[in-house]
Amino acid sequence: AHLLASHSFAEDAGRVATAAGVAH
């Protein structure tokens, strides 16, 4: 329950990186 409420899956990280237009 803690992990699901408090952390991000890899695909979530990908969405942030894509939306932010980061280089790496």
mmCIF file of all heavy atoms, coordinates in Angstrom:
data_MODEL
# 
_entry.id   MODEL 
# 
loop_
_atom_site.group_PDB 
_atom_site.id 
_atom_site.type_symbol 
_atom_site.label_atom_id 
_atom_site.label_alt_id 
_atom_site.label_comp_id 
_atom_site.label_asym_id 
_atom_site.label_entity_id 
_atom_site.label_seq_id 
_atom_site.pdbx_PDB_ins_code 
_atom_site.Cartn_x 
_atom_site.Cartn_y 
_atom_site.Cartn_z 
_atom_site.occupancy 
_atom_site.B_iso_or_equiv 
_atom_site.pdbx_formal_charge 
_atom_site.auth_seq_id 
_atom_site.auth_comp_id 
_atom_site.auth_asym_id 
_atom_site.auth_atom_id 
_atom_site.pdbx_PDB_model_num 
ATOM 1   N N   . ALA A 1 1  ? 0.829  -1.200 0.000   1.00 0.00 ? 1  ALA A N   1 
ATOM 2   C CA  . ALA A 1 1  ? 0.000  0.000  0.000   1.00 0.00 ? 1  ALA A CA  1 
ATOM 3   C C   . ALA A 1 1  ? 0.867  1.255  0.000   1.00 0.00 ? 1  ALA A C   1 
ATOM 4   O O   . ALA A 1 1  ? 0.565  2.238  -0.691  1.00 0.00 ? 1  ALA A O   1 
ATOM 5   C CB  . ALA A 1 1  ? -0.931 -0.003 1.211   1.00 0.00 ? 1  ALA A CB  1 
ATOM 6   N N   . HIS A 1 2  ? 1.954  1.228  0.758   1.00 0.00 ? 2  HIS A N   1 
ATOM 7   C CA  . HIS A 1 2  ? 2.860  2.382  0.780   1.00 0.00 ? 2  HIS A CA  1 
ATOM 8   C C   . HIS A 1 2  ? 3.487  2.615  -0.587  1.00 0.00 ? 2  HIS A C   1 
ATOM 9   O O   . HIS A 1 2  ? 3.518  3.749  -1.086  1.00 0.00 ? 2  HIS A O   1 
ATOM 10  C CB  . HIS A 1 2  ? 3.964  2.174  1.814   1.00 0.00 ? 2  HIS A CB  1 
ATOM 11  C CG  . HIS A 1 2  ? 5.125  3.113  1.622   1.00 0.00 ? 2  HIS A CG  1 
ATOM 12  N ND1 . HIS A 1 2  ? 5.053  4.454  1.940   1.00 0.00 ? 2  HIS A ND1 1 
ATOM 13  C CD2 . HIS A 1 2  ? 6.362  2.904  1.094   1.00 0.00 ? 2  HIS A CD2 1 
ATOM 14  C CE1 . HIS A 1 2  ? 6.209  5.035  1.635   1.00 0.00 ? 2  HIS A CE1 1 
ATOM 15  N NE2 . HIS A 1 2  ? 7.017  4.120  1.122   1.00 0.00 ? 2  HIS A NE2 1 
ATOM 16  N N   . LEU A 1 3  ? 3.981  1.548  -1.199  1.00 0.00 ? 3  LEU A N   1 
ATOM 17  C CA  . LEU A 1 3  ? 4.649  1.700  -2.495  1.00 0.00 ? 3  LEU A CA  1 
ATOM 18  C C   . LEU A 1 3  ? 3.697  2.275  -3.539  1.00 0.00 ? 3  LEU A C   1 
ATOM 19  O O   . LEU A 1 3  ? 4.069  3.180  -4.302  1.00 0.00 ? 3  LEU A O   1 
ATOM 20  C CB  . LEU A 1 3  ? 5.198  0.350  -2.959  1.00 0.00 ? 3  LEU A CB  1 
ATOM 21  C CG  . LEU A 1 3  ? 6.346  -0.233 -2.131  1.00 0.00 ? 3  LEU A CG  1 
ATOM 22  C CD1 . LEU A 1 3  ? 6.693  -1.631 -2.617  1.00 0.00 ? 3  LEU A CD1 1 
ATOM 23  C CD2 . LEU A 1 3  ? 7.560  0.670  -2.168  1.00 0.00 ? 3  LEU A CD2 1 
ATOM 24  N N   . LEU A 1 4  ? 2.498  1.774  -3.583  1.00 0.00 ? 4  LEU A N   1 
ATOM 25  C CA  . LEU A 1 4  ? 1.544  2.220  -4.596  1.00 0.00 ? 4  LEU A CA  1 
ATOM 26  C C   . LEU A 1 4  ? 1.091  3.649  -4.346  1.00 0.00 ? 4  LEU A C   1 
ATOM 27  O O   . LEU A 1 4  ? 0.798  4.385  -5.298  1.00 0.00 ? 4  LEU A O   1 
ATOM 28  C CB  . LEU A 1 4  ? 0.344  1.278  -4.631  1.00 0.00 ? 4  LEU A CB  1 
ATOM 29  C CG  . LEU A 1 4  ? 0.632  -0.160 -5.073  1.00 0.00 ? 4  LEU A CG  1 
ATOM 30  C CD1 . LEU A 1 4  ? -0.639 -1.001 -5.023  1.00 0.00 ? 4  LEU A CD1 1 
ATOM 31  C CD2 . LEU A 1 4  ? 1.245  -0.202 -6.470  1.00 0.00 ? 4  LEU A CD2 1 
ATOM 32  N N   . ALA A 1 5  ? 1.046  4.067  -3.085  1.00 0.00 ? 5  ALA A N   1 
ATOM 33  C CA  . ALA A 1 5  ? 0.575  5.414  -2.766  1.00 0.00 ? 5  ALA A CA  1 
ATOM 34  C C   . ALA A 1 5  ? 1.666  6.467  -2.869  1.00 0.00 ? 5  ALA A C   1 
ATOM 35  O O   . ALA A 1 5  ? 1.359  7.655  -3.046  1.00 0.00 ? 5  ALA A O   1 
ATOM 36  C CB  . ALA A 1 5  ? -0.011 5.435  -1.355  1.00 0.00 ? 5  ALA A CB  1 
ATOM 37  N N   . SER A 1 6  ? 2.939  6.053  -2.797  1.00 0.00 ? 6  SER A N   1 
ATOM 38  C CA  . SER A 1 6  ? 4.004  7.014  -2.570  1.00 0.00 ? 6  SER A CA  1 
ATOM 39  C C   . SER A 1 6  ? 5.102  7.027  -3.626  1.00 0.00 ? 6  SER A C   1 
ATOM 40  O O   . SER A 1 6  ? 6.036  7.831  -3.529  1.00 0.00 ? 6  SER A O   1 
ATOM 41  C CB  . SER A 1 6  ? 4.662  6.742  -1.208  1.00 0.00 ? 6  SER A CB  1 
ATOM 42  O OG  . SER A 1 6  ? 3.702  6.743  -0.181  1.00 0.00 ? 6  SER A OG  1 
ATOM 43  N N   . HIS A 1 7  ? 5.014  6.124  -4.607  1.00 0.00 ? 7  HIS A N   1 
ATOM 44  C CA  . HIS A 1 7  ? 6.086  5.998  -5.589  1.00 0.00 ? 7  HIS A CA  1 
ATOM 45  C C   . HIS A 1 7  ? 5.517  5.935  -7.005  1.00 0.00 ? 7  HIS A C   1 
ATOM 46  O O   . HIS A 1 7  ? 4.306  5.860  -7.198  1.00 0.00 ? 7  HIS A O   1 
ATOM 47  C CB  . HIS A 1 7  ? 6.933  4.759  -5.289  1.00 0.00 ? 7  HIS A CB  1 
ATOM 48  C CG  . HIS A 1 7  ? 7.686  4.865  -4.001  1.00 0.00 ? 7  HIS A CG  1 
ATOM 49  N ND1 . HIS A 1 7  ? 8.875  5.526  -3.892  1.00 0.00 ? 7  HIS A ND1 1 
ATOM 50  C CD2 . HIS A 1 7  ? 7.388  4.401  -2.750  1.00 0.00 ? 7  HIS A CD2 1 
ATOM 51  C CE1 . HIS A 1 7  ? 9.297  5.476  -2.640  1.00 0.00 ? 7  HIS A CE1 1 
ATOM 52  N NE2 . HIS A 1 7  ? 8.413  4.796  -1.925  1.00 0.00 ? 7  HIS A NE2 1 
ATOM 53  N N   . SER A 1 8  ? 6.417  5.953  -7.991  1.00 0.00 ? 8  SER A N   1 
ATOM 54  C CA  . SER A 1 8  ? 6.030  5.989  -9.401  1.00 0.00 ? 8  SER A CA  1 
ATOM 55  C C   . SER A 1 8  ? 6.556  4.760  -10.123 1.00 0.00 ? 8  SER A C   1 
ATOM 56  O O   . SER A 1 8  ? 7.680  4.307  -9.868  1.00 0.00 ? 8  SER A O   1 
ATOM 57  C CB  . SER A 1 8  ? 6.614  7.235  -10.084 1.00 0.00 ? 8  SER A CB  1 
ATOM 58  O OG  . SER A 1 8  ? 6.152  8.424  -9.491  1.00 0.00 ? 8  SER A OG  1 
ATOM 59  N N   . PHE A 1 9  ? 5.763  4.245  -11.040 1.00 0.00 ? 9  PHE A N   1 
ATOM 60  C CA  . PHE A 1 9  ? 6.230  3.178  -11.918 1.00 0.00 ? 9  PHE A CA  1 
ATOM 61  C C   . PHE A 1 9  ? 7.106  3.777  -13.023 1.00 0.00 ? 9  PHE A C   1 
ATOM 62  O O   . PHE A 1 9  ? 7.080  4.989  -13.286 1.00 0.00 ? 9  PHE A O   1 
ATOM 63  C CB  . PHE A 1 9  ? 5.047  2.424  -12.519 1.00 0.00 ? 9  PHE A CB  1 
ATOM 64  C CG  . PHE A 1 9  ? 4.363  1.515  -11.543 1.00 0.00 ? 9  PHE A CG  1 
ATOM 65  C CD1 . PHE A 1 9  ? 3.138  1.868  -10.982 1.00 0.00 ? 9  PHE A CD1 1 
ATOM 66  C CD2 . PHE A 1 9  ? 4.940  0.308  -11.170 1.00 0.00 ? 9  PHE A CD2 1 
ATOM 67  C CE1 . PHE A 1 9  ? 2.511  1.033  -10.072 1.00 0.00 ? 9  PHE A CE1 1 
ATOM 68  C CE2 . PHE A 1 9  ? 4.314  -0.534 -10.265 1.00 0.00 ? 9  PHE A CE2 1 
ATOM 69  C CZ  . PHE A 1 9  ? 3.100  -0.171 -9.707  1.00 0.00 ? 9  PHE A CZ  1 
ATOM 70  N N   . ALA A 1 10 ? 7.884  2.912  -13.674 1.00 0.00 ? 10 ALA A N   1 
ATOM 71  C CA  . ALA A 1 10 ? 8.774  3.374  -14.736 1.00 0.00 ? 10 ALA A CA  1 
ATOM 72  C C   . ALA A 1 10 ? 8.014  4.136  -15.814 1.00 0.00 ? 10 ALA A C   1 
ATOM 73  O O   . ALA A 1 10 ? 8.471  5.182  -16.295 1.00 0.00 ? 10 ALA A O   1 
ATOM 74  C CB  . ALA A 1 10 ? 9.515  2.185  -15.340 1.00 0.00 ? 10 ALA A CB  1 
ATOM 75  N N   . GLU A 1 11 ? 6.848  3.636  -16.182 1.00 0.00 ? 11 GLU A N   1 
ATOM 76  C CA  . GLU A 1 11 ? 6.096  4.308  -17.240 1.00 0.00 ? 11 GLU A CA  1 
ATOM 77  C C   . GLU A 1 11 ? 5.643  5.710  -16.815 1.00 0.00 ? 11 GLU A C   1 
ATOM 78  O O   . GLU A 1 11 ? 5.493  6.608  -17.638 1.00 0.00 ? 11 GLU A O   1 
ATOM 79  C CB  . GLU A 1 11 ? 4.896  3.474  -17.680 1.00 0.00 ? 11 GLU A CB  1 
ATOM 80  C CG  . GLU A 1 11 ? 3.998  2.979  -16.566 1.00 0.00 ? 11 GLU A CG  1 
ATOM 81  C CD  . GLU A 1 11 ? 4.369  1.596  -16.065 1.00 0.00 ? 11 GLU A CD  1 
ATOM 82  O OE1 . GLU A 1 11 ? 5.583  1.282  -15.978 1.00 0.00 ? 11 GLU A OE1 1 
ATOM 83  O OE2 . GLU A 1 11 ? 3.438  0.826  -15.745 1.00 0.00 ? 11 GLU A OE2 1 
ATOM 84  N N   . ASP A 1 12 ? 5.427  5.921  -15.495 1.00 0.00 ? 12 ASP A N   1 
ATOM 85  C CA  . ASP A 1 12 ? 5.102  7.259  -14.994 1.00 0.00 ? 12 ASP A CA  1 
ATOM 86  C C   . ASP A 1 12 ? 6.291  8.203  -15.184 1.00 0.00 ? 12 ASP A C   1 
ATOM 87  O O   . ASP A 1 12 ? 6.123  9.362  -15.577 1.00 0.00 ? 12 ASP A O   1 
ATOM 88  C CB  . ASP A 1 12 ? 4.739  7.198  -13.509 1.00 0.00 ? 12 ASP A CB  1 
ATOM 89  C CG  . ASP A 1 12 ? 3.518  6.347  -13.224 1.00 0.00 ? 12 ASP A CG  1 
ATOM 90  O OD1 . ASP A 1 12 ? 2.546  6.438  -13.991 1.00 0.00 ? 12 ASP A OD1 1 
ATOM 91  O OD2 . ASP A 1 12 ? 3.538  5.584  -12.238 1.00 0.00 ? 12 ASP A OD2 1 
ATOM 92  N N   . ALA A 1 13 ? 7.480  7.697  -14.892 1.00 0.00 ? 13 ALA A N   1 
ATOM 93  C CA  . ALA A 1 13 ? 8.686  8.503  -15.106 1.00 0.00 ? 13 ALA A CA  1 
ATOM 94  C C   . ALA A 1 13 ? 8.835  8.887  -16.568 1.00 0.00 ? 13 ALA A C   1 
ATOM 95  O O   . ALA A 1 13 ? 9.217  10.017 -16.905 1.00 0.00 ? 13 ALA A O   1 
ATOM 96  C CB  . ALA A 1 13 ? 9.916  7.732  -14.633 1.00 0.00 ? 13 ALA A CB  1 
ATOM 97  N N   . GLY A 1 14 ? 8.521  7.952  -17.465 1.00 0.00 ? 14 GLY A N   1 
ATOM 98  C CA  . GLY A 1 14 ? 8.592  8.240  -18.890 1.00 0.00 ? 14 GLY A CA  1 
ATOM 99  C C   . GLY A 1 14 ? 7.641  9.346  -19.304 1.00 0.00 ? 14 GLY A C   1 
ATOM 100 O O   . GLY A 1 14 ? 7.980  10.202 -20.141 1.00 0.00 ? 14 GLY A O   1 
ATOM 101 N N   . ARG A 1 15 ? 6.454  9.355  -18.735 1.00 0.00 ? 15 ARG A N   1 
ATOM 102 C CA  . ARG A 1 15 ? 5.484  10.406 -19.068 1.00 0.00 ? 15 ARG A CA  1 
ATOM 103 C C   . ARG A 1 15 ? 6.001  11.778 -18.647 1.00 0.00 ? 15 ARG A C   1 
ATOM 104 O O   . ARG A 1 15 ? 5.853  12.771 -19.374 1.00 0.00 ? 15 ARG A O   1 
ATOM 105 C CB  . ARG A 1 15 ? 4.144  10.112 -18.392 1.00 0.00 ? 15 ARG A CB  1 
ATOM 106 C CG  . ARG A 1 15 ? 3.416  8.891  -18.940 1.00 0.00 ? 15 ARG A CG  1 
ATOM 107 C CD  . ARG A 1 15 ? 2.033  8.726  -18.331 1.00 0.00 ? 15 ARG A CD  1 
ATOM 108 N NE  . ARG A 1 15 ? 1.415  7.490  -18.800 1.00 0.00 ? 15 ARG A NE  1 
ATOM 109 C CZ  . ARG A 1 15 ? 1.438  6.334  -18.142 1.00 0.00 ? 15 ARG A CZ  1 
ATOM 110 N NH1 . ARG A 1 15 ? 2.033  6.276  -16.943 1.00 0.00 ? 15 ARG A NH1 1 
ATOM 111 N NH2 . ARG A 1 15 ? 0.877  5.259  -18.643 1.00 0.00 ? 15 ARG A NH2 1 
ATOM 112 N N   . VAL A 1 16 ? 6.612  11.849 -17.464 1.00 0.00 ? 16 VAL A N   1 
ATOM 113 C CA  . VAL A 1 16 ? 7.155  13.123 -16.998 1.00 0.00 ? 16 VAL A CA  1 
ATOM 114 C C   . VAL A 1 16 ? 8.279  13.593 -17.915 1.00 0.00 ? 16 VAL A C   1 
ATOM 115 O O   . VAL A 1 16 ? 8.328  14.752 -18.328 1.00 0.00 ? 16 VAL A O   1 
ATOM 116 C CB  . VAL A 1 16 ? 7.662  12.993 -15.543 1.00 0.00 ? 16 VAL A CB  1 
ATOM 117 C CG1 . VAL A 1 16 ? 8.373  14.283 -15.111 1.00 0.00 ? 16 VAL A CG1 1 
ATOM 118 C CG2 . VAL A 1 16 ? 6.515  12.684 -14.598 1.00 0.00 ? 16 VAL A CG2 1 
ATOM 119 N N   . ALA A 1 17 ? 9.193  12.684 -18.258 1.00 0.00 ? 17 ALA A N   1 
ATOM 120 C CA  . ALA A 1 17 ? 10.325 13.045 -19.111 1.00 0.00 ? 17 ALA A CA  1 
ATOM 121 C C   . ALA A 1 17 ? 9.860  13.528 -20.477 1.00 0.00 ? 17 ALA A C   1 
ATOM 122 O O   . ALA A 1 17 ? 10.392 14.505 -21.031 1.00 0.00 ? 17 ALA A O   1 
ATOM 123 C CB  . ALA A 1 17 ? 11.258 11.846 -19.263 1.00 0.00 ? 17 ALA A CB  1 
ATOM 124 N N   . THR A 1 18 ? 8.862  12.858 -21.049 1.00 0.00 ? 18 THR A N   1 
ATOM 125 C CA  . THR A 1 18 ? 8.337  13.244 -22.355 1.00 0.00 ? 18 THR A CA  1 
ATOM 126 C C   . THR A 1 18 ? 7.648  14.602 -22.287 1.00 0.00 ? 18 THR A C   1 
ATOM 127 O O   . THR A 1 18 ? 7.871  15.475 -23.133 1.00 0.00 ? 18 THR A O   1 
ATOM 128 C CB  . THR A 1 18 ? 7.369  12.176 -22.865 1.00 0.00 ? 18 THR A CB  1 
ATOM 129 O OG1 . THR A 1 18 ? 8.069  10.936 -23.014 1.00 0.00 ? 18 THR A OG1 1 
ATOM 130 C CG2 . THR A 1 18 ? 6.761  12.571 -24.202 1.00 0.00 ? 18 THR A CG2 1 
ATOM 131 N N   . ALA A 1 19 ? 6.822  14.787 -21.262 1.00 0.00 ? 19 ALA A N   1 
ATOM 132 C CA  . ALA A 1 19 ? 6.115  16.053 -21.123 1.00 0.00 ? 19 ALA A CA  1 
ATOM 133 C C   . ALA A 1 19 ? 7.078  17.212 -20.882 1.00 0.00 ? 19 ALA A C   1 
ATOM 134 O O   . ALA A 1 19 ? 6.845  18.332 -21.337 1.00 0.00 ? 19 ALA A O   1 
ATOM 135 C CB  . ALA A 1 19 ? 5.115  15.961 -19.972 1.00 0.00 ? 19 ALA A CB  1 
ATOM 136 N N   . ALA A 1 20 ? 8.178  16.940 -20.182 1.00 0.00 ? 20 ALA A N   1 
ATOM 137 C CA  . ALA A 1 20 ? 9.135  17.994 -19.867 1.00 0.00 ? 20 ALA A CA  1 
ATOM 138 C C   . ALA A 1 20 ? 10.124 18.260 -20.994 1.00 0.00 ? 20 ALA A C   1 
ATOM 139 O O   . ALA A 1 20 ? 10.829 19.265 -20.965 1.00 0.00 ? 20 ALA A O   1 
ATOM 140 C CB  . ALA A 1 20 ? 9.907  17.624 -18.600 1.00 0.00 ? 20 ALA A CB  1 
ATOM 141 N N   . GLY A 1 21 ? 10.213 17.360 -21.976 1.00 0.00 ? 21 GLY A N   1 
ATOM 142 C CA  . GLY A 1 21 ? 11.166 17.538 -23.060 1.00 0.00 ? 21 GLY A CA  1 
ATOM 143 C C   . GLY A 1 21 ? 12.606 17.504 -22.602 1.00 0.00 ? 21 GLY A C   1 
ATOM 144 O O   . GLY A 1 21 ? 13.443 18.284 -23.072 1.00 0.00 ? 21 GLY A O   1 
ATOM 145 N N   . VAL A 1 22 ? 12.919 16.616 -21.640 1.00 0.00 ? 22 VAL A N   1 
ATOM 146 C CA  . VAL A 1 22 ? 14.289 16.537 -21.143 1.00 0.00 ? 22 VAL A CA  1 
ATOM 147 C C   . VAL A 1 22 ? 15.180 15.848 -22.171 1.00 0.00 ? 22 VAL A C   1 
ATOM 148 O O   . VAL A 1 22 ? 14.706 15.172 -23.087 1.00 0.00 ? 22 VAL A O   1 
ATOM 149 C CB  . VAL A 1 22 ? 14.348 15.793 -19.790 1.00 0.00 ? 22 VAL A CB  1 
ATOM 150 C CG1 . VAL A 1 22 ? 13.427 16.460 -18.783 1.00 0.00 ? 22 VAL A CG1 1 
ATOM 151 C CG2 . VAL A 1 22 ? 14.007 14.320 -19.927 1.00 0.00 ? 22 VAL A CG2 1 
ATOM 152 N N   . ALA A 1 23 ? 16.496 16.030 -22.020 1.00 0.00 ? 23 ALA A N   1 
ATOM 153 C CA  . ALA A 1 23 ? 17.437 15.432 -22.967 1.00 0.00 ? 23 ALA A CA  1 
ATOM 154 C C   . ALA A 1 23 ? 17.771 13.988 -22.635 1.00 0.00 ? 23 ALA A C   1 
ATOM 155 O O   . ALA A 1 23 ? 18.090 13.195 -23.520 1.00 0.00 ? 23 ALA A O   1 
ATOM 156 C CB  . ALA A 1 23 ? 18.727 16.256 -23.015 1.00 0.00 ? 23 ALA A CB  1 
ATOM 157 N N   . HIS A 1 24 ? 17.701 13.629 -21.359 1.00 0.00 ? 24 HIS A N   1 
ATOM 158 C CA  . HIS A 1 24 ? 18.183 12.319 -20.933 1.00 0.00 ? 24 HIS A CA  1 
ATOM 159 C C   . HIS A 1 24 ? 17.425 11.939 -19.664 1.00 0.00 ? 24 HIS A C   1 
ATOM 160 O O   . HIS A 1 24 ? 17.351 12.730 -18.720 1.00 0.00 ? 24 HIS A O   1 
ATOM 161 C CB  . HIS A 1 24 ? 19.684 12.402 -20.656 1.00 0.00 ? 24 HIS A CB  1 
ATOM 162 C CG  . HIS A 1 24 ? 20.367 11.087 -20.463 1.00 0.00 ? 24 HIS A CG  1 
ATOM 163 N ND1 . HIS A 1 24 ? 21.719 10.932 -20.666 1.00 0.00 ? 24 HIS A ND1 1 
ATOM 164 C CD2 . HIS A 1 24 ? 19.914 9.872  -20.081 1.00 0.00 ? 24 HIS A CD2 1 
ATOM 165 C CE1 . HIS A 1 24 ? 22.063 9.669  -20.418 1.00 0.00 ? 24 HIS A CE1 1 
ATOM 166 N NE2 . HIS A 1 24 ? 20.979 9.019  -20.056 1.00 0.00 ? 24 HIS A NE2 1 
# 
